[in-house]
Amino acid sequence: MRLIVLAGAFVILWFLALQILLPIGIRLSHDGVGDPGAPANPRMALKLALATVAAATMWMIFYTLVLLRVIDI
């Protein structure tokens, strides 16, 4: 059960970090080709990598608090 909670915490933190990072640095494409609301260069690989690093950092803090018995799961 503890492993499921820790894995679930990582997934939640990852999606939270991704949702925060998605709108950063978006420039709309104004070249007249395709959807005018679509971003010109979304840089998804960079955002996925940054979300993973941010989630891992937040998860390590969470896990440290669990190990120190500040948070009981």
PDB file of N, CA and C in Angstrom:
ATOM      1  N   MET A   1       0.823  -1.190   0.000  1.00  0.00           N
ATOM      2  CA  MET A   1       0.000   0.000   0.000  1.00  0.00           C
ATOM      3  C   MET A   1       0.867   1.253   0.000  1.00  0.00           C
ATOM      4  N   ARG A   2       1.941   1.207   0.771  1.00  0.00           N
ATOM      5  CA  ARG A   2       2.815   2.375   0.858  1.00  0.00           C
ATOM      6  C   ARG A   2       3.445   2.697  -0.493  1.00  0.00           C
ATOM      7  N   LEU A   3       3.824   1.662  -1.233  1.00  0.00           N
ATOM      8  CA  LEU A   3       4.420   1.863  -2.553  1.00  0.00           C
ATOM      9  C   LEU A   3       3.417   2.494  -3.516  1.00  0.00           C
ATOM     10  N   ILE A   4       2.172   2.083  -3.431  1.00  0.00           N
ATOM     11  CA  ILE A   4       1.130   2.639  -4.296  1.00  0.00           C
ATOM     12  C   ILE A   4       0.916   4.116  -3.989  1.00  0.00           C
ATOM     13  N   VAL A   5       0.916   4.470  -2.710  1.00  0.00           N
ATOM     14  CA  VAL A   5       0.741   5.871  -2.322  1.00  0.00           C
ATOM     15  C   VAL A   5       1.913   6.710  -2.814  1.00  0.00           C
ATOM     16  N   LEU A   6       3.129   6.195  -2.668  1.00  0.00           N
ATOM     17  CA  LEU A   6       4.306   6.939  -3.113  1.00  0.00           C
ATOM     18  C   LEU A   6       4.330   7.088  -4.635  1.00  0.00           C
ATOM     19  N   ALA A   7       3.953   6.039  -5.362  1.00  0.00           N
ATOM     20  CA  ALA A   7       3.896   6.126  -6.820  1.00  0.00           C
ATOM     21  C   ALA A   7       2.781   7.077  -7.256  1.00  0.00           C
ATOM     22  N   GLY A   8       1.659   7.016  -6.591  1.00  0.00           N
ATOM     23  CA  GLY A   8       0.557   7.930  -6.898  1.00  0.00           C
ATOM     24  C   GLY A   8       0.932   9.377  -6.633  1.00  0.00           C
ATOM     25  N   ALA A   9       1.693   9.604  -5.563  1.00  0.00           N
ATOM     26  CA  ALA A   9       2.151  10.964  -5.257  1.00  0.00           C
ATOM     27  C   ALA A   9       3.057  11.482  -6.371  1.00  0.00           C
ATOM     28  N   PHE A  10       3.934  10.611  -6.893  1.00  0.00           N
ATOM     29  CA  PHE A  10       4.812  11.040  -7.980  1.00  0.00           C
ATOM     30  C   PHE A  10       4.003  11.394  -9.227  1.00  0.00           C
ATOM     31  N   VAL A  11       3.021  10.577  -9.564  1.00  0.00           N
ATOM     32  CA  VAL A  11       2.195  10.834 -10.752  1.00  0.00           C
ATOM     33  C   VAL A  11       1.450  12.154 -10.608  1.00  0.00           C
ATOM     34  N   ILE A  12       0.878  12.396  -9.451  1.00  0.00           N
ATOM     35  CA  ILE A  12       0.153  13.647  -9.218  1.00  0.00           C
ATOM     36  C   ILE A  12       1.097  14.838  -9.310  1.00  0.00           C
ATOM     37  N   LEU A  13       2.271  14.735  -8.704  1.00  0.00           N
ATOM     38  CA  LEU A  13       3.238  15.834  -8.753  1.00  0.00           C
ATOM     39  C   LEU A  13       3.738  16.062 -10.175  1.00  0.00           C
ATOM     40  N   TRP A  14       3.889  14.978 -10.948  1.00  0.00           N
ATOM     41  CA  TRP A  14       4.351  15.122 -12.325  1.00  0.00           C
ATOM     42  C   TRP A  14       3.319  15.864 -13.172  1.00  0.00           C
ATOM     43  N   PHE A  15       2.061  15.467 -13.054  1.00  0.00           N
ATOM     44  CA  PHE A  15       1.006  16.149 -13.818  1.00  0.00           C
ATOM     45  C   PHE A  15       0.856  17.602 -13.371  1.00  0.00           C
ATOM     46  N   LEU A  16       1.007  17.866 -12.091  1.00  0.00           N
ATOM     47  CA  LEU A  16       0.943  19.237 -11.595  1.00  0.00           C
ATOM     48  C   LEU A  16       2.071  20.070 -12.202  1.00  0.00           C
ATOM     49  N   ALA A  17       3.283  19.540 -12.181  1.00  0.00           N
ATOM     50  CA  ALA A  17       4.426  20.253 -12.754  1.00  0.00           C
ATOM     51  C   ALA A  17       4.236  20.471 -14.254  1.00  0.00           C
ATOM     52  N   LEU A  18       3.720  19.472 -14.952  1.00  0.00           N
ATOM     53  CA  LEU A  18       3.500  19.615 -16.392  1.00  0.00           C
ATOM     54  C   LEU A  18       2.462  20.694 -16.687  1.00  0.00           C
ATOM     55  N   GLN A  19       1.378  20.715 -15.932  1.00  0.00           N
ATOM     56  CA  GLN A  19       0.350  21.727 -16.151  1.00  0.00           C
ATOM     57  C   GLN A  19       0.872  23.133 -15.874  1.00  0.00           C
ATOM     58  N   ILE A  20       1.789  23.268 -14.950  1.00  0.00           N
ATOM     59  CA  ILE A  20       2.388  24.572 -14.668  1.00  0.00           C
ATOM     60  C   ILE A  20       3.331  24.976 -15.793  1.00  0.00           C
ATOM     61  N   LEU A  21       4.062  24.017 -16.352  1.00  0.00           N
ATOM     62  CA  LEU A  21       5.058  24.325 -17.382  1.00  0.00           C
ATOM     63  C   LEU A  21       4.486  24.494 -18.786  1.00  0.00           C
ATOM     64  N   LEU A  22       3.348  23.914 -19.073  1.00  0.00           N
ATOM     65  CA  LEU A  22       2.814  23.945 -20.441  1.00  0.00           C
ATOM     66  C   LEU A  22       2.637  25.351 -21.024  1.00  0.00           C
ATOM     67  N   PRO A  23       2.080  26.314 -20.307  1.00  0.00           N
ATOM     68  CA  PRO A  23       1.868  27.620 -20.936  1.00  0.00           C
ATOM     69  C   PRO A  23       3.110  28.516 -20.987  1.00  0.00           C
ATOM     70  N   ILE A  24       4.198  28.106 -20.385  1.00  0.00           N
ATOM     71  CA  ILE A  24       5.400  28.941 -20.339  1.00  0.00           C
ATOM     72  C   ILE A  24       6.093  28.938 -21.698  1.00  0.00           C
ATOM     73  N   GLY A  25       6.375  30.122 -22.208  1.00  0.00           N
ATOM     74  CA  GLY A  25       7.132  30.271 -23.444  1.00  0.00           C
ATOM     75  C   GLY A  25       6.358  29.988 -24.716  1.00  0.00           C
ATOM     76  N   ILE A  26       5.040  30.019 -24.670  1.00  0.00           N
ATOM     77  CA  ILE A  26       4.235  29.736 -25.862  1.00  0.00           C
ATOM     78  C   ILE A  26       4.145  30.989 -26.730  1.00  0.00           C
ATOM     79  N   ARG A  27       4.495  30.824 -27.998  1.00  0.00           N
ATOM     80  CA  ARG A  27       4.314  31.885 -29.000  1.00  0.00           C
ATOM     81  C   ARG A  27       3.412  31.313 -30.085  1.00  0.00           C
ATOM     82  N   LEU A  28       2.390  32.060 -30.447  1.00  0.00           N
ATOM     83  CA  LEU A  28       1.441  31.582 -31.444  1.00  0.00           C
ATOM     84  C   LEU A  28       2.028  31.686 -32.839  1.00  0.00           C
ATOM     85  N   SER A  29       1.595  30.772 -33.694  1.00  0.00           N
ATOM     86  CA  SER A  29       2.027  30.761 -35.077  1.00  0.00           C
ATOM     87  C   SER A  29       1.170  31.737 -35.877  1.00  0.00           C
ATOM     88  N   HIS A  30       1.809  32.724 -36.480  1.00  0.00           N
ATOM     89  CA  HIS A  30       1.085  33.718 -37.271  1.00  0.00           C
ATOM     90  C   HIS A  30       1.466  33.637 -38.740  1.00  0.00           C
ATOM     91  N   ASP A  31       1.873  32.462 -39.184  1.00  0.00           N
ATOM     92  CA  ASP A  31       2.308  32.335 -40.575  1.00  0.00           C
ATOM     93  C   ASP A  31       1.154  32.010 -41.524  1.00  0.00           C
ATOM     94  N   GLY A  32      -0.044  31.811 -41.007  1.00  0.00           N
ATOM     95  CA  GLY A  32      -1.199  31.548 -41.856  1.00  0.00           C
ATOM     96  C   GLY A  32      -1.384  30.091 -42.231  1.00  0.00           C
ATOM     97  N   VAL A  33      -0.473  29.219 -41.807  1.00  0.00           N
ATOM     98  CA  VAL A  33      -0.570  27.790 -42.103  1.00  0.00           C
ATOM     99  C   VAL A  33      -1.039  27.076 -40.842  1.00  0.00           C
ATOM    100  N   GLY A  34      -2.082  26.277 -40.972  1.00  0.00           N
ATOM    101  CA  GLY A  34      -2.570  25.507 -39.833  1.00  0.00           C
ATOM    102  C   GLY A  34      -3.468  26.331 -38.926  1.00  0.00           C
ATOM    103  N   ASP A  35      -3.679  25.832 -37.739  1.00  0.00           N
ATOM    104  CA  ASP A  35      -4.544  26.476 -36.755  1.00  0.00           C
ATOM    105  C   ASP A  35      -3.873  27.732 -36.213  1.00  0.00           C
ATOM    106  N   PRO A  36      -4.549  28.893 -36.241  1.00  0.00           N
ATOM    107  CA  PRO A  36      -3.919  30.120 -35.749  1.00  0.00           C
ATOM    108  C   PRO A  36      -3.696  30.116 -34.235  1.00  0.00           C
ATOM    109  N   GLY A  37      -4.371  29.245 -33.520  1.00  0.00           N
ATOM    110  CA  GLY A  37      -4.186  29.178 -32.078  1.00  0.00           C
ATOM    111  C   GLY A  37      -3.116  28.194 -31.639  1.00  0.00           C
ATOM    112  N   ALA A  38      -2.539  27.477 -32.591  1.00  0.00           N
ATOM    113  CA  ALA A  38      -1.526  26.470 -32.258  1.00  0.00           C
ATOM    114  C   ALA A  38      -0.176  27.153 -31.998  1.00  0.00           C
ATOM    115  N   PRO A  39       0.576  26.656 -31.034  1.00  0.00           N
ATOM    116  CA  PRO A  39       1.886  27.247 -30.772  1.00  0.00           C
ATOM    117  C   PRO A  39       2.865  26.967 -31.911  1.00  0.00           C
ATOM    118  N   ALA A  40       3.749  27.919 -32.148  1.00  0.00           N
ATOM    119  CA  ALA A  40       4.733  27.773 -33.218  1.00  0.00           C
ATOM    120  C   ALA A  40       5.741  26.679 -32.888  1.00  0.00           C
ATOM    121  N   ASN A  41       6.255  26.669 -31.667  1.00  0.00           N
ATOM    122  CA  ASN A  41       7.238  25.671 -31.243  1.00  0.00           C
ATOM    123  C   ASN A  41       6.951  25.330 -29.779  1.00  0.00           C
ATOM    124  N   PRO A  42       6.163  24.293 -29.511  1.00  0.00           N
ATOM    125  CA  PRO A  42       5.757  24.017 -28.140  1.00  0.00           C
ATOM    126  C   PRO A  42       6.872  23.466 -27.235  1.00  0.00           C
ATOM    127  N   ARG A  43       7.954  22.938 -27.814  1.00  0.00           N
ATOM    128  CA  ARG A  43       9.083  22.372 -27.051  1.00  0.00           C
ATOM    129  C   ARG A  43       8.611  21.382 -25.986  1.00  0.00           C
ATOM    130  N   MET A  44       7.825  20.399 -26.420  1.00  0.00           N
ATOM    131  CA  MET A  44       7.238  19.435 -25.499  1.00  0.00           C
ATOM    132  C   MET A  44       8.277  18.553 -24.816  1.00  0.00           C
ATOM    133  N   ALA A  45       9.317  18.149 -25.531  1.00  0.00           N
ATOM    134  CA  ALA A  45      10.331  17.280 -24.924  1.00  0.00           C
ATOM    135  C   ALA A  45      11.010  17.990 -23.754  1.00  0.00           C
ATOM    136  N   LEU A  46      11.316  19.265 -23.939  1.00  0.00           N
ATOM    137  CA  LEU A  46      11.935  20.037 -22.863  1.00  0.00           C
ATOM    138  C   LEU A  46      10.981  20.166 -21.681  1.00  0.00           C
ATOM    139  N   LYS A  47       9.726  20.433 -21.952  1.00  0.00           N
ATOM    140  CA  LYS A  47       8.754  20.589 -20.877  1.00  0.00           C
ATOM    141  C   LYS A  47       8.500  19.275 -20.145  1.00  0.00           C
ATOM    142  N   LEU A  48       8.491  18.165 -20.863  1.00  0.00           N
ATOM    143  CA  LEU A  48       8.333  16.865 -20.211  1.00  0.00           C
ATOM    144  C   LEU A  48       9.527  16.549 -19.321  1.00  0.00           C
ATOM    145  N   ALA A  49      10.728  16.867 -19.805  1.00  0.00           N
ATOM    146  CA  ALA A  49      11.935  16.625 -19.008  1.00  0.00           C
ATOM    147  C   ALA A  49      11.949  17.511 -17.767  1.00  0.00           C
ATOM    148  N   LEU A  50      11.597  18.783 -17.927  1.00  0.00           N
ATOM    149  CA  LEU A  50      11.558  19.691 -16.773  1.00  0.00           C
ATOM    150  C   LEU A  50      10.489  19.276 -15.772  1.00  0.00           C
ATOM    151  N   ALA A  51       9.344  18.799 -16.265  1.00  0.00           N
ATOM    152  CA  ALA A  51       8.289  18.328 -15.369  1.00  0.00           C
ATOM    153  C   ALA A  51       8.759  17.108 -14.576  1.00  0.00           C
ATOM    154  N   THR A  52       9.516  16.232 -15.227  1.00  0.00           N
ATOM    155  CA  THR A  52      10.041  15.051 -14.545  1.00  0.00           C
ATOM    156  C   THR A  52      11.043  15.443 -13.459  1.00  0.00           C
ATOM    157  N   VAL A  53      11.919  16.378 -13.768  1.00  0.00           N
ATOM    158  CA  VAL A  53      12.908  16.837 -12.772  1.00  0.00           C
ATOM    159  C   VAL A  53      12.208  17.530 -11.610  1.00  0.00           C
ATOM    160  N   ALA A  54      11.244  18.386 -11.919  1.00  0.00           N
ATOM    161  CA  ALA A  54      10.521  19.094 -10.862  1.00  0.00           C
ATOM    162  C   ALA A  54       9.729  18.116  -9.996  1.00  0.00           C
ATOM    163  N   ALA A  55       9.068  17.151 -10.615  1.00  0.00           N
ATOM    164  CA  ALA A  55       8.288  16.167  -9.857  1.00  0.00           C
ATOM    165  C   ALA A  55       9.202  15.300  -9.000  1.00  0.00           C
ATOM    166  N   ALA A  56      10.351  14.917  -9.536  1.00  0.00           N
ATOM    167  CA  ALA A  56      11.295  14.109  -8.755  1.00  0.00           C
ATOM    168  C   ALA A  56      11.801  14.880  -7.547  1.00  0.00           C
ATOM    169  N   THR A  57      12.056  16.159  -7.724  1.00  0.00           N
ATOM    170  CA  THR A  57      12.517  16.990  -6.609  1.00  0.00           C
ATOM    171  C   THR A  57      11.434  17.121  -5.540  1.00  0.00           C
ATOM    172  N   MET A  58      10.210  17.406  -5.966  1.00  0.00           N
ATOM    173  CA  MET A  58       9.110  17.515  -5.005  1.00  0.00           C
ATOM    174  C   MET A  58       8.833  16.174  -4.335  1.00  0.00           C
ATOM    175  N   TRP A  59       8.968  15.072  -5.097  1.00  0.00           N
ATOM    176  CA  TRP A  59       8.724  13.744  -4.532  1.00  0.00           C
ATOM    177  C   TRP A  59       9.789  13.390  -3.489  1.00  0.00           C
ATOM    178  N   MET A  60      11.040  13.772  -3.756  1.00  0.00           N
ATOM    179  CA  MET A  60      12.098  13.502  -2.776  1.00  0.00           C
ATOM    180  C   MET A  60      11.846  14.253  -1.476  1.00  0.00           C
ATOM    181  N   ILE A  61      11.354  15.474  -1.579  1.00  0.00           N
ATOM    182  CA  ILE A  61      11.002  16.229  -0.373  1.00  0.00           C
ATOM    183  C   ILE A  61       9.858  15.522   0.356  1.00  0.00           C
ATOM    184  N   PHE A  62       8.845  15.094  -0.386  1.00  0.00           N
ATOM    185  CA  PHE A  62       7.721  14.371   0.206  1.00  0.00           C
ATOM    186  C   PHE A  62       8.193  13.082   0.873  1.00  0.00           C
ATOM    187  N   TYR A  63       9.047  12.327   0.188  1.00  0.00           N
ATOM    188  CA  TYR A  63       9.523  11.056   0.739  1.00  0.00           C
ATOM    189  C   TYR A  63      10.387  11.281   1.982  1.00  0.00           C
ATOM    190  N   THR A  64      11.176  12.344   1.986  1.00  0.00           N
ATOM    191  CA  THR A  64      11.969  12.677   3.168  1.00  0.00           C
ATOM    192  C   THR A  64      11.057  12.971   4.352  1.00  0.00           C
ATOM    193  N   LEU A  65       9.980  13.687   4.112  1.00  0.00           N
ATOM    194  CA  LEU A  65       9.020  13.970   5.182  1.00  0.00           C
ATOM    195  C   LEU A  65       8.344  12.694   5.669  1.00  0.00           C
ATOM    196  N   VAL A  66       8.127  11.744   4.774  1.00  0.00           N
ATOM    197  CA  VAL A  66       7.561  10.452   5.181  1.00  0.00           C
ATOM    198  C   VAL A  66       8.559   9.682   6.027  1.00  0.00           C
ATOM    199  N   LEU A  67       9.827   9.672   5.603  1.00  0.00           N
ATOM    200  CA  LEU A  67      10.853   8.947   6.363  1.00  0.00           C
ATOM    201  C   LEU A  67      11.082   9.557   7.747  1.00  0.00           C
ATOM    202  N   LEU A  68      10.970  10.871   7.840  1.00  0.00           N
ATOM    203  CA  LEU A  68      11.147  11.549   9.120  1.00  0.00           C
ATOM    204  C   LEU A  68       9.884  11.493   9.966  1.00  0.00           C
ATOM    205  N   ARG A  69       8.865  10.831   9.453  1.00  0.00           N
ATOM    206  CA  ARG A  69       7.571  10.656  10.121  1.00  0.00           C
ATOM    207  C   ARG A  69       6.868  11.993  10.408  1.00  0.00           C
ATOM    208  N   VAL A  70       7.130  12.972   9.567  1.00  0.00           N
ATOM    209  CA  VAL A  70       6.372  14.216   9.629  1.00  0.00           C
ATOM    210  C   VAL A  70       5.012  13.997   8.997  1.00  0.00           C
ATOM    211  N   ILE A  71       5.000  13.186   7.903  1.00  0.00           N
ATOM    212  CA  ILE A  71       3.769  12.797   7.222  1.00  0.00           C
ATOM    213  C   ILE A  71       3.613  11.292   7.396  1.00  0.00           C
ATOM    214  N   ASP A  72       2.439  10.875   7.813  1.00  0.00           N
ATOM    215  CA  ASP A  72       2.175   9.445   8.013  1.00  0.00           C
ATOM    216  C   ASP A  72       1.272   8.951   6.891  1.00  0.00           C
ATOM    217  N   ILE A  73       1.755   7.916   6.180  1.00  0.00           N
ATOM    218  CA  ILE A  73       0.916   7.367   5.109  1.00  0.00           C
ATOM    219  C   ILE A  73       0.548   5.937   5.413  1.00  0.00           C
TER     220      ILE A  73
END
